[in-house]
Amino acid sequence: NALLVPPHKTIIAKGEDSDAMYIVEFGAVEVQIDQPVTLSAGDYFGERGLLLNEKRNATIISKTEVKLLKLKKMDLLELMAEHETLFQELAHSSAERSGNTK
């Protein structure tokens, strides 16, 4: 499911229920955390909430016009069932981003 979002719009808000993750096809978004991070083409966000059944831990705002590919929770679960390494890579990346590596 593709979404075209204009600049300066909230895509997800901290504290919301996690129902999907997003892949940036083009444009840029800002992850509003203590040290804001900019994500661009090829980057993704929202995976942590899906993997851990947590509420959103950051607000994400479009910095420019951005095209996002939205991957709903059920779609992600189906992909992970078919491609177990995808789940392992997402879990590892999510842990690194949050500083929870062992």
C-alpha atoms as a PDB file:
ATOM      1  CA  ASN A   1       0.000   0.000   0.000  1.00  0.00           C
ATOM      2  CA  ALA A   2       1.687   3.237  -1.147  1.00  0.00           C
ATOM      3  CA  LEU A   3       1.105   6.620   0.488  1.00  0.00           C
ATOM      4  CA  LEU A   4       2.121  10.056  -0.772  1.00  0.00           C
ATOM      5  CA  VAL A   5       2.525  12.435   2.176  1.00  0.00           C
ATOM      6  CA  PRO A   6       3.064  16.204   1.814  1.00  0.00           C
ATOM      7  CA  PRO A   7       5.825  17.969   3.794  1.00  0.00           C
ATOM      8  CA  HIS A   8       5.452  18.673   7.524  1.00  0.00           C
ATOM      9  CA  LYS A   9       2.710  16.105   8.215  1.00  0.00           C
ATOM     10  CA  THR A  10       2.617  13.696  11.144  1.00  0.00           C
ATOM     11  CA  ILE A  11       2.816  10.131   9.833  1.00  0.00           C
ATOM     12  CA  ILE A  12       2.749   8.400  13.214  1.00  0.00           C
ATOM     13  CA  ALA A  13       2.501   9.877  16.703  1.00  0.00           C
ATOM     14  CA  LYS A  14       4.273   8.692  19.824  1.00  0.00           C
ATOM     15  CA  GLY A  15       1.930   6.600  21.982  1.00  0.00           C
ATOM     16  CA  GLU A  16      -0.311   5.409  19.127  1.00  0.00           C
ATOM     17  CA  ASP A  17      -1.062   1.723  18.630  1.00  0.00           C
ATOM     18  CA  SER A  18       1.315   0.057  16.172  1.00  0.00           C
ATOM     19  CA  ASP A  19      -0.576  -1.282  13.173  1.00  0.00           C
ATOM     20  CA  ALA A  20       1.987  -0.997  10.359  1.00  0.00           C
ATOM     21  CA  MET A  21       5.577  -0.285   9.443  1.00  0.00           C
ATOM     22  CA  TYR A  22       6.698   1.977   6.619  1.00  0.00           C
ATOM     23  CA  ILE A  23       9.444   1.910   4.010  1.00  0.00           C
ATOM     24  CA  VAL A  24      10.577   5.230   2.535  1.00  0.00           C
ATOM     25  CA  GLU A  25      10.514   5.059  -1.275  1.00  0.00           C
ATOM     26  CA  PHE A  26      11.490   8.697  -1.790  1.00  0.00           C
ATOM     27  CA  GLY A  27      11.657  11.877   0.260  1.00  0.00           C
ATOM     28  CA  ALA A  28      12.682  12.289   3.892  1.00  0.00           C
ATOM     29  CA  VAL A  29      11.085  11.908   7.316  1.00  0.00           C
ATOM     30  CA  GLU A  30      12.255  12.959  10.764  1.00  0.00           C
ATOM     31  CA  VAL A  31      12.143  10.674  13.779  1.00  0.00           C
ATOM     32  CA  GLN A  32      11.438  12.998  16.687  1.00  0.00           C
ATOM     33  CA  ILE A  33      13.466  11.630  19.589  1.00  0.00           C
ATOM     34  CA  ASP A  34      16.064  13.219  21.911  1.00  0.00           C
ATOM     35  CA  GLN A  35      18.541  13.361  19.016  1.00  0.00           C
ATOM     36  CA  PRO A  36      16.276  13.635  15.918  1.00  0.00           C
ATOM     37  CA  VAL A  37      17.155  11.325  13.036  1.00  0.00           C
ATOM     38  CA  THR A  38      16.392  11.805   9.345  1.00  0.00           C
ATOM     39  CA  LEU A  39      15.420   8.756   7.297  1.00  0.00           C
ATOM     40  CA  SER A  40      15.352   8.711   3.493  1.00  0.00           C
ATOM     41  CA  ALA A  41      14.909   6.355   0.520  1.00  0.00           C
ATOM     42  CA  GLY A  42      15.439   2.722   1.522  1.00  0.00           C
ATOM     43  CA  ASP A  43      15.057   3.377   5.243  1.00  0.00           C
ATOM     44  CA  TYR A  44      12.134   2.077   7.276  1.00  0.00           C
ATOM     45  CA  PHE A  45      10.377   2.821  10.545  1.00  0.00           C
ATOM     46  CA  GLY A  46       7.604   1.501  12.750  1.00  0.00           C
ATOM     47  CA  GLU A  47       8.936  -2.041  12.936  1.00  0.00           C
ATOM     48  CA  ARG A  48       9.643  -2.005  16.674  1.00  0.00           C
ATOM     49  CA  GLY A  49       6.011  -1.580  17.664  1.00  0.00           C
ATOM     50  CA  LEU A  50       4.977  -4.445  15.417  1.00  0.00           C
ATOM     51  CA  LEU A  51       7.722  -6.816  16.508  1.00  0.00           C
ATOM     52  CA  LEU A  52       7.250  -6.171  20.232  1.00  0.00           C
ATOM     53  CA  ASN A  53       3.526  -5.294  20.309  1.00  0.00           C
ATOM     54  CA  GLU A  54       4.386  -1.897  21.765  1.00  0.00           C
ATOM     55  CA  LYS A  55       2.869   1.518  21.279  1.00  0.00           C
ATOM     56  CA  ARG A  56       4.765   3.919  19.011  1.00  0.00           C
ATOM     57  CA  ASN A  57       7.941   5.150  20.726  1.00  0.00           C
ATOM     58  CA  ALA A  58       8.450   8.226  18.513  1.00  0.00           C
ATOM     59  CA  THR A  59       6.593  10.712  16.364  1.00  0.00           C
ATOM     60  CA  ILE A  60       7.536  10.661  12.671  1.00  0.00           C
ATOM     61  CA  ILE A  61       7.063  13.811  10.562  1.00  0.00           C
ATOM     62  CA  SER A  62       7.532  14.197   6.793  1.00  0.00           C
ATOM     63  CA  LYS A  63      10.358  16.668   6.095  1.00  0.00           C
ATOM     64  CA  THR A  64       9.668  16.731   2.352  1.00  0.00           C
ATOM     65  CA  GLU A  65       7.034  15.183   0.152  1.00  0.00           C
ATOM     66  CA  VAL A  66       7.524  11.508   0.841  1.00  0.00           C
ATOM     67  CA  LYS A  67       6.298   8.293  -0.726  1.00  0.00           C
ATOM     68  CA  LEU A  68       5.910   5.481   1.774  1.00  0.00           C
ATOM     69  CA  LEU A  69       5.164   1.818   1.344  1.00  0.00           C
ATOM     70  CA  LYS A  70       2.893   0.755   4.211  1.00  0.00           C
ATOM     71  CA  LEU A  71       3.271  -2.812   5.443  1.00  0.00           C
ATOM     72  CA  LYS A  72       0.399  -3.777   7.744  1.00  0.00           C
ATOM     73  CA  LYS A  73       0.942  -6.090  10.693  1.00  0.00           C
ATOM     74  CA  MET A  74      -0.734  -9.100   9.045  1.00  0.00           C
ATOM     75  CA  ASP A  75       1.363  -8.604   5.882  1.00  0.00           C
ATOM     76  CA  LEU A  76       4.532  -8.466   7.968  1.00  0.00           C
ATOM     77  CA  LEU A  77       3.577 -11.628   9.869  1.00  0.00           C
ATOM     78  CA  GLU A  78       2.974 -13.467   6.589  1.00  0.00           C
ATOM     79  CA  LEU A  79       6.346 -12.336   5.233  1.00  0.00           C
ATOM     80  CA  MET A  80       8.125 -13.362   8.419  1.00  0.00           C
ATOM     81  CA  ALA A  81       6.520 -16.807   8.286  1.00  0.00           C
ATOM     82  CA  GLU A  82       7.837 -17.257   4.741  1.00  0.00           C
ATOM     83  CA  HIS A  83      11.226 -15.586   5.326  1.00  0.00           C
ATOM     84  CA  GLU A  84      12.442 -16.199   8.880  1.00  0.00           C
ATOM     85  CA  THR A  85      15.700 -14.330   8.255  1.00  0.00           C
ATOM     86  CA  LEU A  86      13.665 -11.171   7.571  1.00  0.00           C
ATOM     87  CA  PHE A  87      12.299 -11.337  11.116  1.00  0.00           C
ATOM     88  CA  GLN A  88      15.780 -11.865  12.550  1.00  0.00           C
ATOM     89  CA  GLU A  89      17.201  -8.909  10.595  1.00  0.00           C
ATOM     90  CA  LEU A  90      14.321  -6.621  11.614  1.00  0.00           C
ATOM     91  CA  ALA A  91      14.623  -7.661  15.259  1.00  0.00           C
ATOM     92  CA  HIS A  92      18.386  -7.071  15.227  1.00  0.00           C
ATOM     93  CA  SER A  93      18.042  -3.672  13.533  1.00  0.00           C
ATOM     94  CA  SER A  94      15.294  -2.620  15.939  1.00  0.00           C
ATOM     95  CA  ALA A  95      17.420  -3.607  18.933  1.00  0.00           C
ATOM     96  CA  GLU A  96      20.407  -1.656  17.577  1.00  0.00           C
ATOM     97  CA  ARG A  97      18.302   1.451  17.017  1.00  0.00           C
ATOM     98  CA  SER A  98      16.971   1.374  20.559  1.00  0.00           C
ATOM     99  CA  GLY A  99      20.345   0.559  22.134  1.00  0.00           C
ATOM    100  CA  ASN A 100      19.196  -2.866  23.338  1.00  0.00           C
ATOM    101  CA  THR A 101      21.915  -5.006  21.779  1.00  0.00           C
ATOM    102  CA  LYS A 102      23.459  -7.799  23.787  1.00  0.00           C
END
